[in-house]
Amino acid sequence: MPPPKHELRTWTLRHPDDNNTYTVSTDPSLLDLNAINDAFASDMLYWAKPMDPDTLRLSVDQSLCFGLYLADNGPFSPSQLPPPFPFTQLTPF
């Protein structure tokens, strides 16, 4: 079960050097699960393995996740940056 909406947090800041706007959020609905699984399958995360979609969704829903996003120029339509790392003790693998 995802966290209640009142417990979700989002922070937005503009980086002074590159003038990009970044957002950090604990909202699991913003996470791109396909991008996470692609990262798990890559050499970048050599210790991880891709998960079936249902297990990954359960893992994310039962975890405190932090997503890092680069906001596009305009309304909030973020691009997910390198994968967040959801960790859980509640999902059997």
C-alpha atoms as a PDB file:
ATOM      1  CA  MET A   1       0.000   0.000   0.000  1.00  0.00           C
ATOM      2  CA  PRO A   2       1.479   3.369  -0.986  1.00  0.00           C
ATOM      3  CA  PRO A   3       1.968   5.983   1.729  1.00  0.00           C
ATOM      4  CA  PRO A   4      -0.968   8.285   2.462  1.00  0.00           C
ATOM      5  CA  LYS A   5      -0.922  11.417   0.309  1.00  0.00           C
ATOM      6  CA  HIS A   6      -0.399  13.641   3.363  1.00  0.00           C
ATOM      7  CA  GLU A   7       2.931  11.894   4.025  1.00  0.00           C
ATOM      8  CA  LEU A   8       4.361  12.478   0.540  1.00  0.00           C
ATOM      9  CA  ARG A   9       7.012  15.183   0.255  1.00  0.00           C
ATOM     10  CA  THR A  10       8.383  17.095  -2.714  1.00  0.00           C
ATOM     11  CA  TRP A  11      11.248  19.600  -2.816  1.00  0.00           C
ATOM     12  CA  THR A  12      12.146  21.730  -5.821  1.00  0.00           C
ATOM     13  CA  LEU A  13      15.285  23.790  -6.247  1.00  0.00           C
ATOM     14  CA  ARG A  14      17.134  25.626  -8.968  1.00  0.00           C
ATOM     15  CA  HIS A  15      20.812  24.796  -9.179  1.00  0.00           C
ATOM     16  CA  PRO A  16      22.841  28.037  -9.221  1.00  0.00           C
ATOM     17  CA  ASP A  17      25.568  26.748 -11.559  1.00  0.00           C
ATOM     18  CA  ASP A  18      23.572  25.116 -14.358  1.00  0.00           C
ATOM     19  CA  ASN A  19      20.254  26.961 -13.837  1.00  0.00           C
ATOM     20  CA  ASN A  20      18.307  23.685 -14.069  1.00  0.00           C
ATOM     21  CA  THR A  21      15.355  23.003 -11.821  1.00  0.00           C
ATOM     22  CA  TYR A  22      15.501  19.726  -9.908  1.00  0.00           C
ATOM     23  CA  THR A  23      12.775  18.036  -7.903  1.00  0.00           C
ATOM     24  CA  VAL A  24      13.162  15.377  -5.220  1.00  0.00           C
ATOM     25  CA  SER A  25       9.984  13.540  -4.306  1.00  0.00           C
ATOM     26  CA  THR A  26       8.842  10.636  -2.153  1.00  0.00           C
ATOM     27  CA  ASP A  27       5.740  10.176  -4.344  1.00  0.00           C
ATOM     28  CA  PRO A  28       5.974   6.621  -5.757  1.00  0.00           C
ATOM     29  CA  SER A  29       3.468   7.430  -8.501  1.00  0.00           C
ATOM     30  CA  LEU A  30       6.109   9.629 -10.184  1.00  0.00           C
ATOM     31  CA  LEU A  31       8.610   6.786 -10.524  1.00  0.00           C
ATOM     32  CA  ASP A  32       9.156   5.271 -13.967  1.00  0.00           C
ATOM     33  CA  LEU A  33       9.177   1.552 -13.144  1.00  0.00           C
ATOM     34  CA  ASN A  34      10.398   0.614 -16.626  1.00  0.00           C
ATOM     35  CA  ALA A  35      13.404   2.909 -16.180  1.00  0.00           C
ATOM     36  CA  ILE A  36      14.117   1.328 -12.787  1.00  0.00           C
ATOM     37  CA  ASN A  37      13.992  -2.187 -14.258  1.00  0.00           C
ATOM     38  CA  ASP A  38      16.172  -1.083 -17.186  1.00  0.00           C
ATOM     39  CA  ALA A  39      18.714   0.233 -14.674  1.00  0.00           C
ATOM     40  CA  PHE A  40      18.547  -3.041 -12.719  1.00  0.00           C
ATOM     41  CA  ALA A  41      19.343  -4.883 -15.968  1.00  0.00           C
ATOM     42  CA  SER A  42      22.328  -2.657 -16.782  1.00  0.00           C
ATOM     43  CA  ASP A  43      25.986  -2.919 -15.836  1.00  0.00           C
ATOM     44  CA  MET A  44      25.560   0.292 -13.834  1.00  0.00           C
ATOM     45  CA  LEU A  45      23.785  -1.733 -11.121  1.00  0.00           C
ATOM     46  CA  TYR A  46      25.687  -4.985 -11.529  1.00  0.00           C
ATOM     47  CA  TRP A  47      24.440  -6.301  -8.165  1.00  0.00           C
ATOM     48  CA  ALA A  48      20.743  -5.917  -9.088  1.00  0.00           C
ATOM     49  CA  LYS A  49      18.449  -7.955 -11.294  1.00  0.00           C
ATOM     50  CA  PRO A  50      15.244  -6.863 -13.005  1.00  0.00           C
ATOM     51  CA  MET A  51      12.012  -7.795 -11.225  1.00  0.00           C
ATOM     52  CA  ASP A  52       8.681  -8.790 -12.642  1.00  0.00           C
ATOM     53  CA  PRO A  53       6.377  -5.736 -12.788  1.00  0.00           C
ATOM     54  CA  ASP A  54       4.099  -6.859  -9.935  1.00  0.00           C
ATOM     55  CA  THR A  55       7.006  -7.468  -7.545  1.00  0.00           C
ATOM     56  CA  LEU A  56       8.609  -4.151  -8.452  1.00  0.00           C
ATOM     57  CA  ARG A  57       5.317  -2.275  -7.913  1.00  0.00           C
ATOM     58  CA  LEU A  58       4.854  -4.008  -4.535  1.00  0.00           C
ATOM     59  CA  SER A  59       8.428  -3.176  -3.564  1.00  0.00           C
ATOM     60  CA  VAL A  60       8.002   0.483  -4.474  1.00  0.00           C
ATOM     61  CA  ASP A  61       4.604   0.716  -2.772  1.00  0.00           C
ATOM     62  CA  GLN A  62       6.024  -0.684   0.472  1.00  0.00           C
ATOM     63  CA  SER A  63       9.160   1.441   0.494  1.00  0.00           C
ATOM     64  CA  LEU A  64      10.220   4.965   1.175  1.00  0.00           C
ATOM     65  CA  CYS A  65      11.542   5.965  -2.255  1.00  0.00           C
ATOM     66  CA  PHE A  66      13.240   9.146  -3.347  1.00  0.00           C
ATOM     67  CA  GLY A  67      13.047  10.088  -7.012  1.00  0.00           C
ATOM     68  CA  LEU A  68      15.279  12.762  -8.530  1.00  0.00           C
ATOM     69  CA  TYR A  69      13.815  14.606 -11.501  1.00  0.00           C
ATOM     70  CA  LEU A  70      14.964  17.274 -13.893  1.00  0.00           C
ATOM     71  CA  ALA A  71      12.004  19.573 -14.512  1.00  0.00           C
ATOM     72  CA  ASP A  72      11.410  20.617 -18.103  1.00  0.00           C
ATOM     73  CA  ASN A  73      10.880  24.247 -18.976  1.00  0.00           C
ATOM     74  CA  GLY A  74       7.198  24.604 -18.247  1.00  0.00           C
ATOM     75  CA  PRO A  75       4.637  22.922 -16.042  1.00  0.00           C
ATOM     76  CA  PHE A  76       5.918  20.067 -13.922  1.00  0.00           C
ATOM     77  CA  SER A  77       6.623  17.292 -16.406  1.00  0.00           C
ATOM     78  CA  PRO A  78       9.724  15.717 -14.892  1.00  0.00           C
ATOM     79  CA  SER A  79      12.370  13.549 -16.456  1.00  0.00           C
ATOM     80  CA  GLN A  80      13.563  10.907 -14.006  1.00  0.00           C
ATOM     81  CA  LEU A  81      17.297  11.051 -13.419  1.00  0.00           C
ATOM     82  CA  PRO A  82      19.419   8.028 -12.445  1.00  0.00           C
ATOM     83  CA  PRO A  83      17.301   5.430 -10.768  1.00  0.00           C
ATOM     84  CA  PRO A  84      16.038   5.776  -7.234  1.00  0.00           C
ATOM     85  CA  PHE A  85      16.821   2.862  -4.989  1.00  0.00           C
ATOM     86  CA  PRO A  86      13.690   1.462  -3.361  1.00  0.00           C
ATOM     87  CA  PHE A  87      14.509  -0.771  -0.438  1.00  0.00           C
ATOM     88  CA  THR A  88      12.021  -2.830   1.509  1.00  0.00           C
ATOM     89  CA  GLN A  89      11.852  -5.491   4.137  1.00  0.00           C
ATOM     90  CA  LEU A  90       8.228  -6.309   3.301  1.00  0.00           C
ATOM     91  CA  THR A  91       8.453  -7.788  -0.202  1.00  0.00           C
ATOM     92  CA  PRO A  92       9.704 -11.349  -0.654  1.00  0.00           C
ATOM     93  CA  PHE A  93      12.009 -11.777  -3.661  1.00  0.00           C
END
